[in-house]
Amino acid sequence: MPLDASAFEQVKLTLGRVASDAIKLSSKEVMKIGYEIQDLAKRMAPIDYGNLEQAIKIRGIGSLRDAGGRFTKGGGSFEIYVDNNMVAEQPDSERKNQPVYVGDYAWWVHENVQPYGQANLGPKSEEKQATDPSVQVGGGFMDRAAEQGARNIDAKIGALIAKRLQALDFSEEM
């Protein structure tokens, strides 16, 4: 009995699509997690005027080749950062004619406010903490958000790919 190799070719094509789908699924999940980390960092950030929360941003970085050799935007990588050059609005500041940059405040509170440093939260940060007790407002907000948000990232992506593989029905193609 001759071997019909056409079924194997179909399996090869299907597995190629699965590889491409896995890259796309992974990239989308990583960006979704990135937005969750960004939101968490904003919730953890101390507040005086709200400028720091507005300055916490995200962007996709890099590029990656998919199974077909094409470049994909973002490449499944992201960067969450504080826009250090954003000018802070401080309506009651004595420095009205001089720009005040969010980066100066961001660095100071990140490194010096509890739980990372010794400085206590200000009144608006204490109020923010009281309204959202599920997170700890204070120093180290970027590090703590990244650590908490990235937990189990491999398992989440693995589960998405496994679900995609389970959805395949090779019996129709053979």
N, C-alpha and C. Protein backbone atom coordinates (compact mmCIF):
# COMPACT_ATOMS: atom_id res chain seq x y z
N MET A 1 0.85 -1.16 0.00
CA MET A 1 0.00 0.00 0.00
C MET A 1 0.90 1.24 0.00
N PRO A 2 0.72 2.14 -0.98
CA PRO A 2 1.55 3.34 -1.05
C PRO A 2 1.18 4.32 0.08
N LEU A 3 2.15 5.07 0.50
CA LEU A 3 1.97 6.06 1.56
C LEU A 3 1.52 7.37 0.95
N ASP A 4 0.41 7.91 1.46
CA ASP A 4 -0.09 9.20 0.98
C ASP A 4 0.55 10.30 1.84
N ALA A 5 1.52 10.98 1.28
CA ALA A 5 2.27 12.01 2.01
C ALA A 5 1.52 13.34 2.08
N SER A 6 0.42 13.47 1.38
CA SER A 6 -0.31 14.75 1.39
C SER A 6 -0.81 15.09 2.80
N ALA A 7 -1.16 14.09 3.58
CA ALA A 7 -1.62 14.35 4.95
C ALA A 7 -0.50 14.96 5.79
N PHE A 8 0.72 14.46 5.58
CA PHE A 8 1.85 15.01 6.33
C PHE A 8 2.12 16.46 5.95
N GLU A 9 1.94 16.76 4.66
CA GLU A 9 2.14 18.14 4.22
C GLU A 9 1.12 19.06 4.87
N GLN A 10 -0.11 18.58 5.00
CA GLN A 10 -1.16 19.37 5.63
C GLN A 10 -0.85 19.59 7.11
N VAL A 11 -0.35 18.55 7.78
CA VAL A 11 0.04 18.69 9.20
C VAL A 11 1.17 19.71 9.32
N LYS A 12 2.13 19.66 8.40
CA LYS A 12 3.25 20.61 8.42
C LYS A 12 2.73 22.04 8.29
N LEU A 13 1.81 22.27 7.36
CA LEU A 13 1.23 23.60 7.18
C LEU A 13 0.47 24.05 8.43
N THR A 14 -0.28 23.13 9.01
CA THR A 14 -1.04 23.46 10.22
C THR A 14 -0.11 23.81 11.37
N LEU A 15 0.96 23.06 11.54
CA LEU A 15 1.91 23.35 12.61
C LEU A 15 2.62 24.68 12.37
N GLY A 16 2.83 25.03 11.12
CA GLY A 16 3.40 26.34 10.80
C GLY A 16 2.48 27.47 11.21
N ARG A 17 1.17 27.26 10.99
CA ARG A 17 0.18 28.26 11.43
C ARG A 17 0.14 28.33 12.94
N VAL A 18 0.27 27.18 13.60
CA VAL A 18 0.27 27.17 15.06
C VAL A 18 1.44 27.97 15.60
N ALA A 19 2.61 27.82 15.00
CA ALA A 19 3.79 28.58 15.43
C ALA A 19 3.54 30.08 15.27
N SER A 20 2.99 30.46 14.13
CA SER A 20 2.69 31.87 13.90
C SER A 20 1.65 32.37 14.89
N ASP A 21 0.61 31.56 15.12
CA ASP A 21 -0.42 31.93 16.09
C ASP A 21 0.16 32.05 17.49
N ALA A 22 1.09 31.17 17.85
CA ALA A 22 1.69 31.21 19.18
C ALA A 22 2.44 32.52 19.39
N ILE A 23 3.13 32.98 18.37
CA ILE A 23 3.86 34.25 18.47
C ILE A 23 2.86 35.40 18.66
N LYS A 24 1.80 35.39 17.86
CA LYS A 24 0.79 36.45 17.96
C LYS A 24 0.10 36.42 19.32
N LEU A 25 -0.31 35.23 19.77
CA LEU A 25 -0.97 35.10 21.07
C LEU A 25 -0.05 35.56 22.20
N SER A 26 1.20 35.14 22.14
CA SER A 26 2.17 35.52 23.17
C SER A 26 2.36 37.02 23.20
N SER A 27 2.52 37.62 22.03
CA SER A 27 2.73 39.06 21.95
C SER A 27 1.54 39.83 22.52
N LYS A 28 0.34 39.41 22.15
CA LYS A 28 -0.87 40.07 22.67
C LYS A 28 -0.99 39.91 24.18
N GLU A 29 -0.69 38.73 24.68
CA GLU A 29 -0.79 38.48 26.13
C GLU A 29 0.26 39.30 26.89
N VAL A 30 1.46 39.38 26.34
CA VAL A 30 2.51 40.16 26.99
C VAL A 30 2.11 41.64 27.05
N MET A 31 1.56 42.17 25.98
CA MET A 31 1.12 43.57 26.00
C MET A 31 -0.04 43.77 26.96
N LYS A 32 -0.95 42.80 27.02
CA LYS A 32 -2.07 42.89 27.97
C LYS A 32 -1.53 42.95 29.39
N ILE A 33 -0.57 42.11 29.70
CA ILE A 33 0.05 42.11 31.02
C ILE A 33 0.78 43.44 31.25
N GLY A 34 1.40 43.96 30.20
CA GLY A 34 2.07 45.26 30.31
C GLY A 34 1.11 46.36 30.72
N TYR A 35 -0.07 46.39 30.10
CA TYR A 35 -1.08 47.40 30.47
C TYR A 35 -1.56 47.19 31.91
N GLU A 36 -1.67 45.94 32.33
CA GLU A 36 -2.05 45.66 33.72
C GLU A 36 -0.98 46.17 34.69
N ILE A 37 0.28 45.98 34.34
CA ILE A 37 1.38 46.47 35.19
C ILE A 37 1.37 47.99 35.22
N GLN A 38 1.15 48.62 34.08
CA GLN A 38 1.07 50.08 34.02
C GLN A 38 -0.04 50.58 34.95
N ASP A 39 -1.20 49.96 34.87
CA ASP A 39 -2.31 50.37 35.73
C ASP A 39 -1.97 50.16 37.20
N LEU A 40 -1.34 49.05 37.52
CA LEU A 40 -0.95 48.77 38.90
C LEU A 40 0.07 49.79 39.40
N ALA A 41 1.04 50.15 38.57
CA ALA A 41 2.04 51.16 38.95
C ALA A 41 1.36 52.49 39.24
N LYS A 42 0.37 52.86 38.43
CA LYS A 42 -0.37 54.11 38.68
C LYS A 42 -1.12 54.05 40.00
N ARG A 43 -1.71 52.89 40.29
CA ARG A 43 -2.44 52.74 41.54
C ARG A 43 -1.51 52.77 42.75
N MET A 44 -0.27 52.30 42.59
CA MET A 44 0.70 52.25 43.69
C MET A 44 1.47 53.57 43.86
N ALA A 45 1.46 54.41 42.84
CA ALA A 45 2.26 55.64 42.86
C ALA A 45 1.71 56.64 43.87
N PRO A 46 2.60 57.26 44.65
CA PRO A 46 2.16 58.34 45.52
C PRO A 46 1.59 59.49 44.68
N ILE A 47 0.81 60.34 45.32
CA ILE A 47 0.16 61.42 44.58
C ILE A 47 0.27 62.74 45.34
N ASP A 48 0.58 63.78 44.60
CA ASP A 48 0.46 65.15 45.10
C ASP A 48 -0.52 65.90 44.20
N TYR A 49 -0.22 65.88 42.88
CA TYR A 49 -1.07 66.58 41.93
C TYR A 49 -1.65 65.67 40.85
N GLY A 50 -1.19 64.41 40.80
CA GLY A 50 -1.65 63.48 39.78
C GLY A 50 -0.76 63.43 38.56
N ASN A 51 0.29 64.26 38.55
CA ASN A 51 1.20 64.28 37.41
C ASN A 51 1.94 62.97 37.24
N LEU A 52 2.34 62.35 38.34
CA LEU A 52 3.11 61.10 38.26
C LEU A 52 2.27 60.00 37.62
N GLU A 53 1.01 59.89 38.00
CA GLU A 53 0.15 58.87 37.40
C GLU A 53 0.04 59.07 35.89
N GLN A 54 -0.08 60.32 35.46
CA GLN A 54 -0.17 60.62 34.02
C GLN A 54 1.14 60.31 33.30
N ALA A 55 2.25 60.40 34.01
CA ALA A 55 3.57 60.21 33.39
C ALA A 55 3.97 58.74 33.29
N ILE A 56 3.23 57.82 33.90
CA ILE A 56 3.55 56.39 33.81
C ILE A 56 2.97 55.88 32.50
N LYS A 57 3.87 55.52 31.59
CA LYS A 57 3.45 55.18 30.22
C LYS A 57 4.00 53.81 29.82
N ILE A 58 3.48 53.33 28.70
CA ILE A 58 3.91 52.03 28.16
C ILE A 58 4.11 52.16 26.66
N ARG A 59 5.08 51.39 26.15
CA ARG A 59 5.27 51.33 24.71
C ARG A 59 5.83 49.96 24.34
N GLY A 60 5.41 49.48 23.17
CA GLY A 60 5.96 48.26 22.63
C GLY A 60 7.35 48.55 22.09
N ILE A 61 8.26 47.61 22.24
CA ILE A 61 9.61 47.83 21.76
C ILE A 61 10.10 46.62 20.96
N GLY A 62 11.06 46.86 20.13
CA GLY A 62 11.69 45.78 19.38
C GLY A 62 10.81 45.23 18.29
N SER A 63 11.31 44.19 17.66
CA SER A 63 10.55 43.49 16.65
C SER A 63 10.95 42.03 16.68
N LEU A 64 10.13 41.21 16.09
CA LEU A 64 10.32 39.77 16.13
C LEU A 64 9.90 39.23 14.78
N ARG A 65 10.49 38.14 14.35
CA ARG A 65 10.06 37.50 13.11
C ARG A 65 9.04 36.41 13.43
N ASP A 66 7.97 36.38 12.66
CA ASP A 66 6.98 35.31 12.85
C ASP A 66 7.43 34.08 12.07
N ALA A 67 6.61 33.03 12.07
CA ALA A 67 6.97 31.77 11.42
C ALA A 67 7.23 31.94 9.92
N GLY A 68 6.62 32.95 9.31
CA GLY A 68 6.81 33.20 7.89
C GLY A 68 8.00 34.10 7.59
N GLY A 69 8.74 34.51 8.64
CA GLY A 69 9.90 35.36 8.45
C GLY A 69 9.58 36.84 8.41
N ARG A 70 8.31 37.19 8.59
CA ARG A 70 7.91 38.60 8.56
C ARG A 70 8.14 39.22 9.93
N PHE A 71 8.50 40.51 9.94
CA PHE A 71 8.66 41.22 11.21
C PHE A 71 7.30 41.53 11.79
N THR A 72 7.19 41.38 13.09
CA THR A 72 5.95 41.74 13.79
C THR A 72 6.25 42.93 14.68
N LYS A 73 5.33 43.87 14.72
CA LYS A 73 5.51 45.09 15.50
C LYS A 73 5.50 44.76 16.99
N GLY A 74 6.37 45.39 17.73
CA GLY A 74 6.40 45.22 19.18
C GLY A 74 7.18 44.01 19.62
N GLY A 75 7.07 42.95 18.89
CA GLY A 75 7.84 41.77 19.20
C GLY A 75 7.55 41.14 20.54
N GLY A 76 6.39 41.46 21.13
CA GLY A 76 6.05 40.86 22.41
C GLY A 76 6.81 41.46 23.58
N SER A 77 7.49 42.56 23.34
CA SER A 77 8.22 43.23 24.42
C SER A 77 7.57 44.58 24.68
N PHE A 78 7.68 45.03 25.89
CA PHE A 78 7.14 46.33 26.24
C PHE A 78 8.03 46.98 27.27
N GLU A 79 7.82 48.26 27.41
CA GLU A 79 8.58 49.03 28.39
C GLU A 79 7.59 49.93 29.11
N ILE A 80 7.59 49.84 30.42
CA ILE A 80 6.77 50.73 31.24
C ILE A 80 7.75 51.71 31.86
N TYR A 81 7.46 52.97 31.73
CA TYR A 81 8.42 53.98 32.16
C TYR A 81 7.71 55.22 32.68
N VAL A 82 8.46 56.05 33.37
CA VAL A 82 7.97 57.36 33.79
C VAL A 82 8.53 58.37 32.81
N ASP A 83 7.66 59.16 32.21
CA ASP A 83 8.10 60.20 31.29
C ASP A 83 8.75 61.31 32.13
N ASN A 84 10.05 61.17 32.31
CA ASN A 84 10.80 62.09 33.18
C ASN A 84 10.78 63.53 32.70
N ASN A 85 10.56 63.75 31.41
CA ASN A 85 10.59 65.10 30.86
C ASN A 85 9.23 65.78 30.84
N MET A 86 8.21 65.08 31.34
CA MET A 86 6.89 65.69 31.39
C MET A 86 6.90 66.82 32.42
N VAL A 87 6.42 67.98 32.01
CA VAL A 87 6.38 69.12 32.92
C VAL A 87 5.18 68.95 33.83
N ALA A 88 5.44 69.08 35.12
CA ALA A 88 4.39 68.90 36.11
C ALA A 88 3.65 70.20 36.34
N GLU A 89 2.34 70.08 36.39
CA GLU A 89 1.53 71.24 36.74
C GLU A 89 1.45 71.31 38.26
N GLN A 90 1.84 72.45 38.80
CA GLN A 90 1.78 72.65 40.24
C GLN A 90 1.17 74.02 40.50
N PRO A 91 -0.14 74.09 40.59
CA PRO A 91 -0.81 75.38 40.67
C PRO A 91 -0.41 76.22 41.88
N ASP A 92 -0.04 75.60 42.97
CA ASP A 92 0.30 76.38 44.17
C ASP A 92 1.80 76.44 44.41
N SER A 93 2.59 76.14 43.39
CA SER A 93 4.05 76.11 43.53
C SER A 93 4.62 77.52 43.55
N GLU A 94 5.70 77.67 44.29
CA GLU A 94 6.41 78.94 44.32
C GLU A 94 7.26 79.09 43.06
N ARG A 95 7.43 78.02 42.30
CA ARG A 95 8.28 78.01 41.11
C ARG A 95 7.44 78.12 39.83
N LYS A 96 6.45 78.98 39.80
CA LYS A 96 5.53 79.08 38.67
C LYS A 96 6.23 79.38 37.34
N ASN A 97 7.30 80.12 37.35
CA ASN A 97 7.98 80.49 36.12
C ASN A 97 9.08 79.52 35.72
N GLN A 98 9.31 78.51 36.53
CA GLN A 98 10.33 77.51 36.23
C GLN A 98 9.65 76.16 36.04
N PRO A 99 10.03 75.44 34.99
CA PRO A 99 9.41 74.12 34.81
C PRO A 99 9.83 73.15 35.91
N VAL A 100 8.88 72.37 36.35
CA VAL A 100 9.14 71.32 37.33
C VAL A 100 8.86 70.01 36.59
N TYR A 101 9.82 69.11 36.59
CA TYR A 101 9.69 67.88 35.83
C TYR A 101 9.24 66.72 36.72
N VAL A 102 8.34 65.93 36.19
CA VAL A 102 7.81 64.78 36.92
C VAL A 102 8.94 63.84 37.34
N GLY A 103 9.95 63.70 36.50
CA GLY A 103 11.05 62.78 36.78
C GLY A 103 11.73 63.04 38.11
N ASP A 104 11.88 64.30 38.47
CA ASP A 104 12.52 64.63 39.75
C ASP A 104 11.70 64.09 40.92
N TYR A 105 10.40 64.34 40.87
CA TYR A 105 9.50 63.84 41.91
C TYR A 105 9.43 62.32 41.89
N ALA A 106 9.32 61.74 40.68
CA ALA A 106 9.19 60.28 40.56
C ALA A 106 10.38 59.57 41.19
N TRP A 107 11.58 60.03 40.87
CA TRP A 107 12.76 59.38 41.43
C TRP A 107 12.75 59.50 42.95
N TRP A 108 12.46 60.70 43.46
CA TRP A 108 12.52 60.90 44.91
C TRP A 108 11.52 60.00 45.63
N VAL A 109 10.27 59.98 45.19
CA VAL A 109 9.28 59.16 45.90
C VAL A 109 9.54 57.67 45.71
N HIS A 110 10.02 57.28 44.53
CA HIS A 110 10.29 55.86 44.29
C HIS A 110 11.35 55.34 45.25
N GLU A 111 12.37 56.14 45.49
CA GLU A 111 13.50 55.69 46.31
C GLU A 111 13.39 56.03 47.79
N ASN A 112 12.58 57.01 48.17
CA ASN A 112 12.61 57.52 49.54
C ASN A 112 11.34 57.34 50.36
N VAL A 113 10.23 57.04 49.71
CA VAL A 113 8.96 56.90 50.45
C VAL A 113 8.76 55.44 50.83
N GLN A 114 8.17 55.24 52.00
CA GLN A 114 7.90 53.87 52.47
C GLN A 114 7.06 53.15 51.43
N PRO A 115 7.22 51.86 51.20
CA PRO A 115 7.99 50.89 51.95
C PRO A 115 9.46 50.79 51.55
N TYR A 116 9.90 51.53 50.51
CA TYR A 116 11.31 51.46 50.09
C TYR A 116 12.21 52.37 50.91
N GLY A 117 11.71 53.48 51.32
CA GLY A 117 12.51 54.46 52.05
C GLY A 117 11.93 54.77 53.41
N GLN A 118 12.41 55.85 53.99
CA GLN A 118 11.99 56.22 55.34
C GLN A 118 10.91 57.29 55.38
N ALA A 119 10.71 58.03 54.28
CA ALA A 119 9.73 59.11 54.27
C ALA A 119 8.30 58.57 54.28
N ASN A 120 7.45 59.28 54.99
CA ASN A 120 6.04 58.89 55.08
C ASN A 120 5.26 59.41 53.88
N LEU A 121 4.11 58.81 53.64
CA LEU A 121 3.20 59.28 52.59
C LEU A 121 2.66 60.66 52.97
N GLY A 122 2.39 61.47 51.94
CA GLY A 122 1.73 62.75 52.16
C GLY A 122 0.24 62.54 52.31
N PRO A 123 -0.49 63.60 52.64
CA PRO A 123 -1.94 63.48 52.89
C PRO A 123 -2.74 62.93 51.70
N LYS A 124 -2.43 63.38 50.48
CA LYS A 124 -3.17 62.90 49.31
C LYS A 124 -2.86 61.43 49.03
N SER A 125 -1.62 61.03 49.29
CA SER A 125 -1.25 59.62 49.10
C SER A 125 -1.92 58.75 50.15
N GLU A 126 -2.02 59.25 51.38
CA GLU A 126 -2.72 58.50 52.43
C GLU A 126 -4.19 58.34 52.07
N GLU A 127 -4.78 59.39 51.51
CA GLU A 127 -6.18 59.32 51.08
C GLU A 127 -6.34 58.31 49.94
N LYS A 128 -5.40 58.33 49.01
CA LYS A 128 -5.41 57.37 47.90
C LYS A 128 -5.31 55.95 48.43
N GLN A 129 -4.44 55.74 49.41
CA GLN A 129 -4.27 54.41 50.03
C GLN A 129 -5.57 53.96 50.68
N ALA A 130 -6.26 54.87 51.35
CA ALA A 130 -7.50 54.52 52.04
C ALA A 130 -8.60 54.12 51.05
N THR A 131 -8.59 54.71 49.86
CA THR A 131 -9.64 54.39 48.88
C THR A 131 -9.35 53.12 48.09
N ASP A 132 -8.09 52.65 48.12
CA ASP A 132 -7.73 51.42 47.40
C ASP A 132 -6.81 50.58 48.27
N PRO A 133 -7.36 49.91 49.28
CA PRO A 133 -6.51 49.12 50.19
C PRO A 133 -5.95 47.84 49.58
N SER A 134 -6.34 47.52 48.34
CA SER A 134 -5.84 46.30 47.71
C SER A 134 -4.38 46.43 47.25
N VAL A 135 -3.87 47.67 47.18
CA VAL A 135 -2.47 47.90 46.82
C VAL A 135 -1.82 48.78 47.88
N GLN A 136 -0.49 48.75 47.92
CA GLN A 136 0.23 49.62 48.84
C GLN A 136 0.78 50.80 48.07
N VAL A 137 0.27 51.98 48.38
CA VAL A 137 0.74 53.21 47.77
C VAL A 137 2.08 53.56 48.41
N GLY A 138 3.06 53.93 47.59
CA GLY A 138 4.33 54.36 48.17
C GLY A 138 5.51 54.09 47.27
N GLY A 139 6.69 54.19 47.87
CA GLY A 139 7.95 54.04 47.16
C GLY A 139 8.10 52.67 46.52
N GLY A 140 8.96 52.62 45.53
CA GLY A 140 9.19 51.38 44.81
C GLY A 140 8.02 50.95 43.96
N PHE A 141 7.12 51.88 43.64
CA PHE A 141 5.88 51.54 42.94
C PHE A 141 6.13 50.87 41.59
N MET A 142 7.15 51.30 40.86
CA MET A 142 7.43 50.69 39.55
C MET A 142 7.96 49.26 39.72
N ASP A 143 8.91 49.08 40.63
CA ASP A 143 9.47 47.74 40.86
C ASP A 143 8.41 46.78 41.39
N ARG A 144 7.63 47.24 42.36
CA ARG A 144 6.62 46.37 42.96
C ARG A 144 5.53 46.00 41.95
N ALA A 145 5.13 46.95 41.11
CA ALA A 145 4.10 46.67 40.10
C ALA A 145 4.63 45.65 39.08
N ALA A 146 5.88 45.84 38.65
CA ALA A 146 6.46 44.91 37.67
C ALA A 146 6.58 43.51 38.25
N GLU A 147 7.03 43.42 39.49
CA GLU A 147 7.18 42.11 40.13
C GLU A 147 5.84 41.40 40.29
N GLN A 148 4.86 42.14 40.77
CA GLN A 148 3.54 41.54 40.98
C GLN A 148 2.84 41.23 39.66
N GLY A 149 2.94 42.12 38.70
CA GLY A 149 2.23 41.93 37.43
C GLY A 149 2.81 40.84 36.56
N ALA A 150 4.10 40.59 36.68
CA ALA A 150 4.75 39.61 35.81
C ALA A 150 4.75 38.20 36.39
N ARG A 151 4.19 38.03 37.56
CA ARG A 151 4.13 36.69 38.14
C ARG A 151 3.38 35.75 37.22
N ASN A 152 3.90 34.57 37.05
CA ASN A 152 3.26 33.51 36.26
C ASN A 152 3.04 33.86 34.80
N ILE A 153 3.84 34.78 34.27
CA ILE A 153 3.66 35.17 32.86
C ILE A 153 3.88 33.98 31.93
N ASP A 154 4.87 33.15 32.24
CA ASP A 154 5.14 31.97 31.40
C ASP A 154 3.96 31.01 31.41
N ALA A 155 3.37 30.80 32.60
CA ALA A 155 2.24 29.89 32.71
C ALA A 155 1.02 30.43 31.94
N LYS A 156 0.81 31.74 32.01
CA LYS A 156 -0.32 32.34 31.29
C LYS A 156 -0.16 32.15 29.78
N ILE A 157 1.03 32.40 29.27
CA ILE A 157 1.28 32.26 27.84
C ILE A 157 1.21 30.79 27.44
N GLY A 158 1.78 29.92 28.26
CA GLY A 158 1.72 28.48 27.99
C GLY A 158 0.30 27.97 27.91
N ALA A 159 -0.56 28.46 28.80
CA ALA A 159 -1.96 28.05 28.80
C ALA A 159 -2.68 28.50 27.52
N LEU A 160 -2.36 29.70 27.05
CA LEU A 160 -2.97 30.18 25.80
C LEU A 160 -2.56 29.30 24.61
N ILE A 161 -1.28 28.96 24.55
CA ILE A 161 -0.79 28.14 23.44
C ILE A 161 -1.37 26.73 23.54
N ALA A 162 -1.44 26.17 24.75
CA ALA A 162 -2.02 24.84 24.93
C ALA A 162 -3.49 24.83 24.49
N LYS A 163 -4.21 25.89 24.82
CA LYS A 163 -5.61 25.99 24.43
C LYS A 163 -5.74 26.02 22.90
N ARG A 164 -4.82 26.74 22.25
CA ARG A 164 -4.82 26.80 20.78
C ARG A 164 -4.53 25.42 20.19
N LEU A 165 -3.58 24.71 20.77
CA LEU A 165 -3.25 23.36 20.28
C LEU A 165 -4.41 22.39 20.48
N GLN A 166 -5.10 22.51 21.60
CA GLN A 166 -6.24 21.62 21.86
C GLN A 166 -7.38 21.87 20.89
N ALA A 167 -7.45 23.10 20.38
CA ALA A 167 -8.52 23.43 19.44
C ALA A 167 -8.29 22.83 18.06
N LEU A 168 -7.07 22.38 17.79
CA LEU A 168 -6.78 21.78 16.50
C LEU A 168 -7.40 20.38 16.41
N ASP A 169 -7.92 20.09 15.25
CA ASP A 169 -8.49 18.77 15.01
C ASP A 169 -7.78 18.18 13.81
N PHE A 170 -6.76 17.40 14.06
CA PHE A 170 -5.97 16.82 12.96
C PHE A 170 -6.72 15.71 12.23
N SER A 171 -7.78 15.19 12.83
CA SER A 171 -8.49 14.09 12.17
C SER A 171 -9.13 14.53 10.86
N GLU A 172 -9.54 15.81 10.77
CA GLU A 172 -10.16 16.31 9.54
C GLU A 172 -9.12 16.45 8.44
N GLU A 173 -7.88 16.70 8.80
CA GLU A 173 -6.85 17.00 7.81
C GLU A 173 -6.14 15.76 7.32
N MET A 174 -6.29 14.65 7.97
CA MET A 174 -5.58 13.44 7.56
C MET A 174 -6.49 12.51 6.81
